Amino acid sequence: MTFERWYLGDGTYPPLHNGQKVNLSFYVSTNDLKIDNTQLCYFKQLYNSDYSFCGQIIRNYQDEDSQLVIIDTSTVKFYIELPIQEFKAVVGQFVSGTGQLLVDYYMWVENLENYQNPPNLFYNFIVDKIREVIVPEKYIIRADRSISYPSSLSAKDYSENDIVEVESMDNNSENISFYLLDLKEIAEDVPRTFY
């Protein structure tokens, strides 16, 4: 799964290291969500942080313009964020799609008390491997004294040559990068990793 580097500078999460026990929740960034009448639940890794999934909508928290949709794939629960005009999610519907699995940036963990009857989206893991992905130069825009770049990329947008295995996250690295985490689920209680 993807861990965006700004989480460190923002103070949302501590720098993680191999062997660390973590308690995390997740979201999926997707552009192809659709109703799925097969009702076959799955959560399959395609490559690195890219997954395909099918699951049931178990909650829909919405305001005027957007919705936070909780999907249960029977193996993992996660949220997605969608504009209401883009897709009208209905609790009980089965949906499928593909997308990038990311560590919750704060939408779930920080706002938990605002959600009515929230399901448990937290999982306990040990960090098995950390890979730093250097954002390819073609995605970096430099102009005068400013710079802009994506906080993460889909696996199709970088190559193995852009990946370096590291023992821990370095908040002082000068690389424009993000991290890929390999996690192993553990049957232990772990305090929330979010600050």
N, C-alpha and C. Protein backbone atom coordinates (compact mmCIF):
# COMPACT_ATOMS: atom_id res chain seq x y z
N MET A 1 0.82 -1.17 0.00
CA MET A 1 0.00 0.00 0.00
C MET A 1 0.87 1.24 0.00
N THR A 2 0.27 2.36 -0.36
CA THR A 2 1.00 3.62 -0.48
C THR A 2 0.93 4.42 0.82
N PHE A 3 2.07 4.97 1.19
CA PHE A 3 2.19 5.89 2.31
C PHE A 3 2.79 7.16 1.73
N GLU A 4 1.99 8.23 1.68
CA GLU A 4 2.45 9.46 1.06
C GLU A 4 3.39 10.21 2.00
N ARG A 5 4.44 10.75 1.45
CA ARG A 5 5.50 11.38 2.23
C ARG A 5 5.03 12.58 3.05
N TRP A 6 4.00 13.29 2.57
CA TRP A 6 3.54 14.48 3.29
C TRP A 6 2.98 14.15 4.67
N TYR A 7 2.59 12.88 4.88
CA TYR A 7 2.13 12.48 6.22
C TYR A 7 3.20 12.74 7.28
N LEU A 8 4.46 12.61 6.88
CA LEU A 8 5.56 12.81 7.83
C LEU A 8 5.75 14.28 8.14
N GLY A 9 5.81 15.10 7.10
CA GLY A 9 5.98 16.54 7.30
C GLY A 9 4.79 17.18 7.98
N ASP A 10 3.62 16.61 7.74
CA ASP A 10 2.39 17.11 8.33
C ASP A 10 2.27 16.70 9.80
N GLY A 11 3.03 15.68 10.20
CA GLY A 11 2.94 15.18 11.56
C GLY A 11 1.79 14.21 11.79
N THR A 12 1.17 13.77 10.70
CA THR A 12 0.03 12.86 10.82
C THR A 12 0.47 11.49 11.32
N TYR A 13 1.60 11.01 10.83
CA TYR A 13 2.15 9.71 11.23
C TYR A 13 3.64 9.87 11.54
N PRO A 14 4.17 9.00 12.37
CA PRO A 14 5.61 9.01 12.60
C PRO A 14 6.32 8.31 11.44
N PRO A 15 7.62 8.56 11.25
CA PRO A 15 8.36 7.78 10.26
C PRO A 15 8.32 6.31 10.68
N LEU A 16 7.98 5.43 9.77
CA LEU A 16 7.89 4.00 10.08
C LEU A 16 9.21 3.31 9.76
N HIS A 17 9.43 2.17 10.40
CA HIS A 17 10.64 1.39 10.14
C HIS A 17 10.29 -0.09 10.08
N ASN A 18 11.15 -0.87 9.47
CA ASN A 18 10.94 -2.32 9.38
C ASN A 18 10.80 -2.91 10.78
N GLY A 19 9.86 -3.83 10.93
CA GLY A 19 9.64 -4.50 12.20
C GLY A 19 8.72 -3.74 13.15
N GLN A 20 8.31 -2.54 12.78
CA GLN A 20 7.43 -1.75 13.65
C GLN A 20 6.00 -2.29 13.60
N LYS A 21 5.34 -2.31 14.75
CA LYS A 21 3.93 -2.68 14.82
C LYS A 21 3.09 -1.42 14.62
N VAL A 22 2.08 -1.53 13.76
CA VAL A 22 1.26 -0.38 13.41
C VAL A 22 -0.22 -0.75 13.44
N ASN A 23 -1.05 0.25 13.66
CA ASN A 23 -2.50 0.13 13.61
C ASN A 23 -2.98 1.18 12.63
N LEU A 24 -3.52 0.74 11.49
CA LEU A 24 -3.82 1.64 10.38
C LEU A 24 -5.20 1.39 9.80
N SER A 25 -5.76 2.42 9.19
CA SER A 25 -6.96 2.30 8.36
C SER A 25 -6.59 2.77 6.96
N PHE A 26 -7.45 2.45 5.98
CA PHE A 26 -7.09 2.64 4.58
C PHE A 26 -8.20 3.25 3.75
N TYR A 27 -7.79 3.86 2.65
CA TYR A 27 -8.77 4.27 1.64
C TYR A 27 -8.25 3.84 0.28
N VAL A 28 -9.16 3.81 -0.68
CA VAL A 28 -8.82 3.47 -2.05
C VAL A 28 -9.18 4.66 -2.93
N SER A 29 -8.22 5.08 -3.73
CA SER A 29 -8.45 6.13 -4.72
C SER A 29 -8.82 5.43 -6.03
N THR A 30 -10.06 5.64 -6.47
CA THR A 30 -10.54 4.94 -7.66
C THR A 30 -11.27 5.89 -8.58
N ASN A 31 -11.20 5.61 -9.87
CA ASN A 31 -11.92 6.40 -10.87
C ASN A 31 -12.93 5.57 -11.65
N ASP A 32 -13.05 4.29 -11.32
CA ASP A 32 -13.90 3.43 -12.15
C ASP A 32 -14.91 2.62 -11.33
N LEU A 33 -15.41 3.19 -10.25
CA LEU A 33 -16.39 2.49 -9.41
C LEU A 33 -17.67 2.26 -10.20
N LYS A 34 -18.20 1.04 -10.09
CA LYS A 34 -19.45 0.73 -10.77
C LYS A 34 -20.26 -0.27 -9.96
N ILE A 35 -21.55 -0.28 -10.16
CA ILE A 35 -22.43 -1.26 -9.51
C ILE A 35 -22.08 -2.64 -10.05
N ASP A 36 -22.04 -3.62 -9.16
CA ASP A 36 -21.67 -4.98 -9.55
C ASP A 36 -22.72 -5.95 -9.02
N ASN A 37 -23.42 -6.59 -9.93
CA ASN A 37 -24.51 -7.49 -9.53
C ASN A 37 -24.05 -8.91 -9.23
N THR A 38 -22.76 -9.21 -9.38
CA THR A 38 -22.28 -10.56 -9.11
C THR A 38 -22.27 -10.85 -7.61
N GLN A 39 -22.10 -9.81 -6.80
CA GLN A 39 -22.03 -9.94 -5.34
C GLN A 39 -20.91 -10.87 -4.90
N LEU A 40 -19.86 -10.98 -5.71
CA LEU A 40 -18.69 -11.77 -5.36
C LEU A 40 -17.66 -10.84 -4.73
N CYS A 41 -17.40 -11.02 -3.45
CA CYS A 41 -16.45 -10.15 -2.75
C CYS A 41 -15.02 -10.59 -2.98
N TYR A 42 -14.15 -9.63 -3.27
CA TYR A 42 -12.72 -9.91 -3.39
C TYR A 42 -11.93 -8.62 -3.22
N PHE A 43 -10.68 -8.79 -2.90
CA PHE A 43 -9.73 -7.68 -2.82
C PHE A 43 -8.40 -8.25 -3.30
N LYS A 44 -8.04 -7.95 -4.56
CA LYS A 44 -6.88 -8.59 -5.20
C LYS A 44 -5.81 -7.56 -5.56
N GLN A 45 -4.59 -7.86 -5.16
CA GLN A 45 -3.48 -7.00 -5.52
C GLN A 45 -3.14 -7.22 -6.98
N LEU A 46 -3.06 -6.14 -7.74
CA LEU A 46 -2.65 -6.20 -9.14
C LEU A 46 -1.14 -6.04 -9.24
N TYR A 47 -0.64 -4.97 -8.59
CA TYR A 47 0.80 -4.71 -8.57
C TYR A 47 1.06 -3.58 -7.58
N ASN A 48 1.99 -3.81 -6.67
CA ASN A 48 2.32 -2.84 -5.63
C ASN A 48 1.04 -2.36 -4.93
N SER A 49 0.69 -1.07 -5.04
CA SER A 49 -0.49 -0.54 -4.33
C SER A 49 -1.76 -0.56 -5.16
N ASP A 50 -1.70 -1.08 -6.36
CA ASP A 50 -2.89 -1.12 -7.22
C ASP A 50 -3.66 -2.42 -6.99
N TYR A 51 -4.97 -2.29 -6.77
CA TYR A 51 -5.83 -3.42 -6.44
C TYR A 51 -7.10 -3.38 -7.28
N SER A 52 -7.71 -4.54 -7.43
CA SER A 52 -9.09 -4.62 -7.92
C SER A 52 -9.92 -5.13 -6.75
N PHE A 53 -11.18 -4.73 -6.72
CA PHE A 53 -12.02 -5.10 -5.58
C PHE A 53 -13.48 -5.21 -5.98
N CYS A 54 -14.21 -5.95 -5.18
CA CYS A 54 -15.66 -5.99 -5.24
C CYS A 54 -16.14 -6.17 -3.81
N GLY A 55 -17.09 -5.36 -3.41
CA GLY A 55 -17.59 -5.45 -2.04
C GLY A 55 -18.92 -4.76 -1.89
N GLN A 56 -19.44 -4.85 -0.69
CA GLN A 56 -20.74 -4.26 -0.38
C GLN A 56 -20.57 -2.93 0.34
N ILE A 57 -21.36 -1.96 -0.05
CA ILE A 57 -21.37 -0.68 0.65
C ILE A 57 -22.08 -0.88 1.99
N ILE A 58 -21.37 -0.61 3.10
CA ILE A 58 -21.97 -0.81 4.41
C ILE A 58 -22.29 0.50 5.13
N ARG A 59 -21.73 1.61 4.68
CA ARG A 59 -22.04 2.93 5.22
C ARG A 59 -21.82 3.96 4.11
N ASN A 60 -22.59 5.04 4.21
CA ASN A 60 -22.39 6.18 3.31
C ASN A 60 -22.61 7.44 4.14
N TYR A 61 -21.52 8.10 4.46
CA TYR A 61 -21.57 9.36 5.21
C TYR A 61 -21.43 10.48 4.19
N GLN A 62 -22.45 11.35 4.12
CA GLN A 62 -22.40 12.36 3.08
C GLN A 62 -22.78 13.74 3.58
N ASP A 63 -22.30 14.73 2.85
CA ASP A 63 -22.71 16.12 3.07
C ASP A 63 -23.31 16.60 1.75
N GLU A 64 -23.36 17.89 1.53
CA GLU A 64 -24.02 18.43 0.33
C GLU A 64 -23.38 17.97 -0.97
N ASP A 65 -22.04 17.89 -0.99
CA ASP A 65 -21.35 17.63 -2.25
C ASP A 65 -20.62 16.30 -2.34
N SER A 66 -20.24 15.75 -1.18
CA SER A 66 -19.38 14.56 -1.23
C SER A 66 -19.90 13.47 -0.31
N GLN A 67 -19.33 12.30 -0.50
CA GLN A 67 -19.71 11.15 0.30
C GLN A 67 -18.48 10.32 0.64
N LEU A 68 -18.47 9.82 1.86
CA LEU A 68 -17.43 8.91 2.33
C LEU A 68 -18.09 7.54 2.40
N VAL A 69 -17.72 6.65 1.50
CA VAL A 69 -18.39 5.36 1.33
C VAL A 69 -17.51 4.27 1.90
N ILE A 70 -18.07 3.45 2.79
CA ILE A 70 -17.34 2.33 3.39
C ILE A 70 -17.71 1.06 2.63
N ILE A 71 -16.68 0.35 2.18
CA ILE A 71 -16.87 -0.88 1.40
C ILE A 71 -16.27 -2.04 2.16
N ASP A 72 -17.04 -3.12 2.25
CA ASP A 72 -16.60 -4.36 2.90
C ASP A 72 -16.41 -5.42 1.82
N THR A 73 -15.15 -5.85 1.63
CA THR A 73 -14.85 -6.87 0.61
C THR A 73 -14.76 -8.27 1.21
N SER A 74 -15.11 -8.40 2.46
CA SER A 74 -15.06 -9.62 3.29
C SER A 74 -13.65 -9.92 3.80
N THR A 75 -12.60 -9.39 3.16
CA THR A 75 -11.25 -9.55 3.69
C THR A 75 -10.71 -8.24 4.25
N VAL A 76 -11.15 -7.13 3.69
CA VAL A 76 -10.73 -5.82 4.18
C VAL A 76 -11.85 -4.81 3.98
N LYS A 77 -11.95 -3.89 4.92
CA LYS A 77 -12.89 -2.77 4.80
C LYS A 77 -12.05 -1.51 4.60
N PHE A 78 -12.53 -0.62 3.75
CA PHE A 78 -11.84 0.63 3.47
C PHE A 78 -12.87 1.67 3.07
N TYR A 79 -12.41 2.91 2.95
CA TYR A 79 -13.32 3.94 2.47
C TYR A 79 -12.85 4.50 1.14
N ILE A 80 -13.80 5.07 0.43
CA ILE A 80 -13.51 5.85 -0.77
C ILE A 80 -14.25 7.17 -0.62
N GLU A 81 -13.73 8.20 -1.25
CA GLU A 81 -14.39 9.50 -1.26
C GLU A 81 -14.87 9.77 -2.67
N LEU A 82 -16.12 10.22 -2.78
CA LEU A 82 -16.70 10.47 -4.09
C LEU A 82 -17.57 11.71 -4.07
N PRO A 83 -17.57 12.49 -5.15
CA PRO A 83 -18.59 13.54 -5.28
C PRO A 83 -19.96 12.88 -5.45
N ILE A 84 -20.97 13.44 -4.83
CA ILE A 84 -22.31 12.85 -4.93
C ILE A 84 -22.80 12.83 -6.36
N GLN A 85 -22.50 13.87 -7.14
CA GLN A 85 -22.98 13.91 -8.52
C GLN A 85 -22.29 12.88 -9.41
N GLU A 86 -21.14 12.34 -8.96
CA GLU A 86 -20.40 11.37 -9.77
C GLU A 86 -20.97 9.95 -9.63
N PHE A 87 -21.40 9.61 -8.42
CA PHE A 87 -21.88 8.24 -8.17
C PHE A 87 -22.76 8.29 -6.93
N LYS A 88 -23.99 7.85 -7.04
CA LYS A 88 -24.90 7.82 -5.89
C LYS A 88 -24.78 6.46 -5.22
N ALA A 89 -24.00 6.39 -4.15
CA ALA A 89 -23.76 5.14 -3.44
C ALA A 89 -24.93 4.84 -2.51
N VAL A 90 -25.40 3.61 -2.55
CA VAL A 90 -26.53 3.18 -1.72
C VAL A 90 -26.07 2.03 -0.82
N VAL A 91 -26.33 2.16 0.47
CA VAL A 91 -25.97 1.10 1.42
C VAL A 91 -26.65 -0.19 0.99
N GLY A 92 -25.88 -1.28 0.97
CA GLY A 92 -26.38 -2.58 0.54
C GLY A 92 -25.98 -2.93 -0.87
N GLN A 93 -25.68 -1.93 -1.70
CA GLN A 93 -25.24 -2.17 -3.08
C GLN A 93 -23.88 -2.85 -3.08
N PHE A 94 -23.64 -3.65 -4.09
CA PHE A 94 -22.30 -4.18 -4.34
C PHE A 94 -21.67 -3.35 -5.45
N VAL A 95 -20.40 -3.02 -5.24
CA VAL A 95 -19.68 -2.22 -6.23
C VAL A 95 -18.32 -2.86 -6.49
N SER A 96 -17.77 -2.56 -7.64
CA SER A 96 -16.44 -3.05 -7.97
C SER A 96 -15.65 -1.94 -8.65
N GLY A 97 -14.34 -2.15 -8.70
CA GLY A 97 -13.48 -1.18 -9.34
C GLY A 97 -12.03 -1.53 -9.15
N THR A 98 -11.18 -0.63 -9.57
CA THR A 98 -9.74 -0.76 -9.36
C THR A 98 -9.26 0.55 -8.76
N GLY A 99 -8.14 0.49 -8.08
CA GLY A 99 -7.62 1.73 -7.52
C GLY A 99 -6.37 1.50 -6.70
N GLN A 100 -5.88 2.60 -6.18
CA GLN A 100 -4.66 2.60 -5.38
C GLN A 100 -5.04 2.55 -3.90
N LEU A 101 -4.46 1.60 -3.17
CA LEU A 101 -4.68 1.47 -1.73
C LEU A 101 -3.70 2.36 -1.01
N LEU A 102 -4.23 3.24 -0.16
CA LEU A 102 -3.40 4.20 0.57
C LEU A 102 -3.72 4.17 2.06
N VAL A 103 -2.74 4.52 2.86
CA VAL A 103 -2.96 4.70 4.29
C VAL A 103 -3.86 5.92 4.46
N ASP A 104 -4.84 5.81 5.34
CA ASP A 104 -5.77 6.89 5.64
C ASP A 104 -5.02 8.17 5.99
N TYR A 105 -5.27 9.23 5.27
CA TYR A 105 -4.53 10.47 5.52
C TYR A 105 -5.06 11.22 6.73
N TYR A 106 -6.27 11.04 7.14
CA TYR A 106 -6.86 11.52 8.38
C TYR A 106 -8.38 11.49 8.33
N MET A 107 -8.96 11.34 7.15
CA MET A 107 -10.41 11.45 6.98
C MET A 107 -11.17 10.51 7.89
N TRP A 108 -10.66 9.32 8.12
CA TRP A 108 -11.36 8.36 8.97
C TRP A 108 -10.92 8.52 10.43
N VAL A 109 -9.65 8.34 10.69
CA VAL A 109 -9.17 8.28 12.06
C VAL A 109 -9.39 9.58 12.82
N GLU A 110 -9.20 10.71 12.17
CA GLU A 110 -9.31 11.99 12.88
C GLU A 110 -10.77 12.41 13.09
N ASN A 111 -11.66 11.94 12.24
CA ASN A 111 -13.06 12.35 12.31
C ASN A 111 -13.99 11.25 12.80
N LEU A 112 -13.44 10.23 13.39
CA LEU A 112 -14.20 9.05 13.78
C LEU A 112 -15.43 9.38 14.63
N GLU A 113 -15.30 10.32 15.56
CA GLU A 113 -16.41 10.65 16.45
C GLU A 113 -17.56 11.32 15.71
N ASN A 114 -17.33 11.79 14.48
CA ASN A 114 -18.38 12.45 13.69
C ASN A 114 -19.23 11.47 12.89
N TYR A 115 -18.81 10.22 12.80
CA TYR A 115 -19.54 9.24 12.00
C TYR A 115 -20.48 8.43 12.87
N GLN A 116 -21.73 8.34 12.45
CA GLN A 116 -22.71 7.57 13.21
C GLN A 116 -22.48 6.07 13.00
N ASN A 117 -22.40 5.34 14.10
CA ASN A 117 -22.23 3.89 14.07
C ASN A 117 -21.09 3.45 13.14
N PRO A 118 -19.87 3.95 13.37
CA PRO A 118 -18.77 3.64 12.45
C PRO A 118 -18.31 2.19 12.57
N PRO A 119 -18.09 1.53 11.45
CA PRO A 119 -17.50 0.18 11.49
C PRO A 119 -16.02 0.28 11.82
N ASN A 120 -15.44 -0.82 12.24
CA ASN A 120 -14.01 -0.84 12.56
C ASN A 120 -13.21 -1.01 11.26
N LEU A 121 -12.47 0.02 10.91
CA LEU A 121 -11.63 -0.03 9.71
C LEU A 121 -10.15 -0.15 10.05
N PHE A 122 -9.84 -0.43 11.32
CA PHE A 122 -8.45 -0.47 11.77
C PHE A 122 -7.92 -1.89 11.79
N TYR A 123 -6.67 -2.03 11.34
CA TYR A 123 -6.01 -3.33 11.28
C TYR A 123 -4.64 -3.23 11.93
N ASN A 124 -4.21 -4.33 12.54
CA ASN A 124 -2.91 -4.39 13.21
C ASN A 124 -1.93 -5.15 12.33
N PHE A 125 -0.76 -4.54 12.12
CA PHE A 125 0.25 -5.11 11.24
C PHE A 125 1.64 -4.94 11.85
N ILE A 126 2.57 -5.65 11.22
CA ILE A 126 3.99 -5.38 11.43
C ILE A 126 4.54 -4.98 10.06
N VAL A 127 5.37 -3.95 10.06
CA VAL A 127 5.95 -3.47 8.80
C VAL A 127 7.01 -4.48 8.36
N ASP A 128 6.78 -5.09 7.20
CA ASP A 128 7.67 -6.13 6.69
C ASP A 128 8.72 -5.58 5.72
N LYS A 129 8.32 -4.58 4.94
CA LYS A 129 9.25 -4.01 3.97
C LYS A 129 8.79 -2.59 3.63
N ILE A 130 9.76 -1.70 3.44
CA ILE A 130 9.49 -0.33 3.02
C ILE A 130 10.28 -0.06 1.75
N ARG A 131 9.59 0.44 0.74
CA ARG A 131 10.25 0.82 -0.50
C ARG A 131 9.94 2.29 -0.79
N GLU A 132 10.98 3.03 -1.08
CA GLU A 132 10.81 4.43 -1.45
C GLU A 132 10.72 4.50 -2.97
N VAL A 133 9.68 5.16 -3.46
CA VAL A 133 9.49 5.34 -4.90
C VAL A 133 9.85 6.79 -5.25
N ILE A 134 10.88 6.95 -6.03
CA ILE A 134 11.29 8.28 -6.47
C ILE A 134 10.38 8.68 -7.63
N VAL A 135 9.72 9.82 -7.49
CA VAL A 135 8.79 10.28 -8.52
C VAL A 135 9.59 10.63 -9.78
N PRO A 136 9.27 10.01 -10.92
CA PRO A 136 10.00 10.31 -12.16
C PRO A 136 9.91 11.80 -12.52
N GLU A 137 10.97 12.29 -13.08
CA GLU A 137 11.09 13.72 -13.41
C GLU A 137 9.94 14.21 -14.30
N LYS A 138 9.41 13.35 -15.16
CA LYS A 138 8.35 13.80 -16.08
C LYS A 138 7.08 14.22 -15.35
N TYR A 139 6.93 13.84 -14.06
CA TYR A 139 5.75 14.22 -13.28
C TYR A 139 6.01 15.44 -12.40
N ILE A 140 7.23 15.98 -12.47
CA ILE A 140 7.59 17.13 -11.63
C ILE A 140 7.59 18.39 -12.49
N ILE A 141 6.90 19.41 -12.04
CA ILE A 141 6.82 20.67 -12.76
C ILE A 141 7.60 21.72 -11.97
N ARG A 142 8.62 22.25 -12.61
CA ARG A 142 9.46 23.29 -11.99
C ARG A 142 9.26 24.58 -12.77
N ALA A 143 8.94 25.65 -12.04
CA ALA A 143 8.74 26.95 -12.67
C ALA A 143 9.24 28.04 -11.72
N ASP A 144 10.16 28.86 -12.22
CA ASP A 144 10.75 29.92 -11.40
C ASP A 144 11.21 29.34 -10.06
N ARG A 145 10.59 29.78 -8.99
CA ARG A 145 10.98 29.28 -7.67
C ARG A 145 9.94 28.33 -7.08
N SER A 146 9.10 27.76 -7.92
CA SER A 146 8.08 26.83 -7.42
C SER A 146 8.27 25.45 -8.03
N ILE A 147 7.69 24.49 -7.35
CA ILE A 147 7.75 23.10 -7.82
C ILE A 147 6.44 22.43 -7.44
N SER A 148 5.92 21.61 -8.32
CA SER A 148 4.72 20.83 -8.01
C SER A 148 4.91 19.41 -8.52
N TYR A 149 4.30 18.50 -7.83
CA TYR A 149 4.42 17.09 -8.17
C TYR A 149 3.31 16.31 -7.45
N PRO A 150 2.99 15.11 -7.95
CA PRO A 150 1.96 14.30 -7.30
C PRO A 150 2.49 13.71 -5.99
N SER A 151 1.59 13.52 -5.02
CA SER A 151 2.01 12.95 -3.73
C SER A 151 2.18 11.43 -3.82
N SER A 152 1.63 10.82 -4.86
CA SER A 152 1.86 9.40 -5.13
C SER A 152 1.45 9.13 -6.57
N LEU A 153 1.80 7.94 -7.05
CA LEU A 153 1.49 7.55 -8.43
C LEU A 153 0.95 6.13 -8.45
N SER A 154 0.16 5.84 -9.45
CA SER A 154 -0.25 4.46 -9.71
C SER A 154 0.96 3.68 -10.21
N ALA A 155 0.94 2.38 -10.02
CA ALA A 155 2.09 1.53 -10.40
C ALA A 155 2.44 1.63 -11.88
N LYS A 156 1.49 1.96 -12.73
CA LYS A 156 1.78 2.08 -14.17
C LYS A 156 2.61 3.32 -14.50
N ASP A 157 2.73 4.24 -13.52
CA ASP A 157 3.41 5.50 -13.77
C ASP A 157 4.86 5.55 -13.28
N TYR A 158 5.37 4.46 -12.76
CA TYR A 158 6.78 4.38 -12.37
C TYR A 158 7.28 2.98 -12.66
N SER A 159 8.61 2.81 -12.64
CA SER A 159 9.20 1.51 -12.95
C SER A 159 9.98 0.99 -11.75
N GLU A 160 10.43 -0.23 -11.85
CA GLU A 160 11.25 -0.82 -10.78
C GLU A 160 12.54 -0.03 -10.57
N ASN A 161 13.00 0.65 -11.61
CA ASN A 161 14.20 1.48 -11.49
C ASN A 161 14.00 2.69 -10.58
N ASP A 162 12.75 3.05 -10.33
CA ASP A 162 12.43 4.20 -9.48
C ASP A 162 12.27 3.79 -8.01
N ILE A 163 12.43 2.51 -7.69
CA ILE A 163 12.16 2.00 -6.34
C ILE A 163 13.45 1.61 -5.64
N VAL A 164 13.57 2.04 -4.39
CA VAL A 164 14.73 1.70 -3.56
C VAL A 164 14.20 1.14 -2.24
N GLU A 165 14.67 -0.04 -1.86
CA GLU A 165 14.26 -0.59 -0.56
C GLU A 165 15.02 0.12 0.55
N VAL A 166 14.30 0.51 1.61
CA VAL A 166 14.90 1.22 2.74
C VAL A 166 14.48 0.55 4.05
N GLU A 167 15.26 0.78 5.09
CA GLU A 167 14.95 0.22 6.40
C GLU A 167 13.92 1.05 7.16
N SER A 168 13.92 2.36 6.88
CA SER A 168 12.98 3.25 7.56
C SER A 168 12.71 4.46 6.69
N MET A 169 11.66 5.19 7.05
CA MET A 169 11.31 6.40 6.32
C MET A 169 12.18 7.54 6.82
N ASP A 170 12.69 8.32 5.89
CA ASP A 170 13.55 9.43 6.25
C ASP A 170 12.85 10.73 5.91
N ASN A 171 12.43 11.44 6.94
CA ASN A 171 11.72 12.70 6.73
C ASN A 171 12.64 13.78 6.17
N ASN A 172 13.94 13.60 6.24
CA ASN A 172 14.89 14.60 5.76
C ASN A 172 15.44 14.30 4.36
N SER A 173 14.96 13.23 3.76
CA SER A 173 15.43 12.89 2.42
C SER A 173 15.09 14.01 1.44
N GLU A 174 15.98 14.26 0.50
CA GLU A 174 15.73 15.31 -0.49
C GLU A 174 15.03 14.76 -1.72
N ASN A 175 14.73 13.48 -1.72
CA ASN A 175 14.02 12.89 -2.85
C ASN A 175 12.56 13.34 -2.88
N ILE A 176 12.04 13.54 -4.08
CA ILE A 176 10.60 13.71 -4.26
C ILE A 176 10.08 12.30 -4.41
N SER A 177 9.39 11.82 -3.39
CA SER A 177 9.07 10.40 -3.34
C SER A 177 7.85 10.12 -2.49
N PHE A 178 7.45 8.86 -2.51
CA PHE A 178 6.45 8.33 -1.60
C PHE A 178 6.90 6.92 -1.26
N TYR A 179 6.18 6.25 -0.37
CA TYR A 179 6.60 4.93 0.09
C TYR A 179 5.57 3.86 -0.24
N LEU A 180 6.07 2.66 -0.46
CA LEU A 180 5.24 1.47 -0.56
C LEU A 180 5.52 0.63 0.68
N LEU A 181 4.46 0.20 1.34
CA LEU A 181 4.60 -0.63 2.54
C LEU A 181 4.12 -2.04 2.27
N ASP A 182 4.92 -3.01 2.67
CA ASP A 182 4.47 -4.40 2.73
C ASP A 182 4.21 -4.68 4.20
N LEU A 183 2.98 -5.09 4.51
CA LEU A 183 2.57 -5.29 5.89
C LEU A 183 2.10 -6.72 6.10
N LYS A 184 2.36 -7.25 7.29
CA LYS A 184 1.85 -8.57 7.67
C LYS A 184 0.88 -8.38 8.83
N GLU A 185 -0.34 -8.88 8.65
CA GLU A 185 -1.33 -8.72 9.71
C GLU A 185 -0.93 -9.55 10.92
N ILE A 186 -1.13 -8.98 12.12
CA ILE A 186 -0.80 -9.67 13.37
C ILE A 186 -2.02 -9.68 14.28
N ALA A 187 -2.09 -10.70 15.12
CA ALA A 187 -3.20 -10.85 16.07
C ALA A 187 -2.79 -10.28 17.41
N GLU A 188 -2.49 -8.99 17.42
CA GLU A 188 -2.11 -8.28 18.64
C GLU A 188 -2.84 -6.95 18.67
N ASP A 189 -3.06 -6.44 19.86
CA ASP A 189 -3.59 -5.08 19.98
C ASP A 189 -2.43 -4.11 19.87
N VAL A 190 -2.56 -3.17 18.97
CA VAL A 190 -1.52 -2.17 18.73
C VAL A 190 -2.18 -0.80 18.83
N PRO A 191 -1.57 0.15 19.56
CA PRO A 191 -2.15 1.50 19.61
C PRO A 191 -2.20 2.12 18.23
N ARG A 192 -3.15 3.03 18.02
CA ARG A 192 -3.26 3.71 16.73
C ARG A 192 -1.95 4.41 16.40
N THR A 193 -1.52 4.28 15.17
CA THR A 193 -0.27 4.85 14.73
C THR A 193 -0.43 6.33 14.39
N PHE A 194 -1.64 6.74 14.02
CA PHE A 194 -1.94 8.13 13.71
C PHE A 194 -1.69 9.00 14.93
N TYR A 195 -1.04 10.13 14.77
CA TYR A 195 -0.77 11.05 15.90
C TYR A 195 -2.02 11.81 16.26
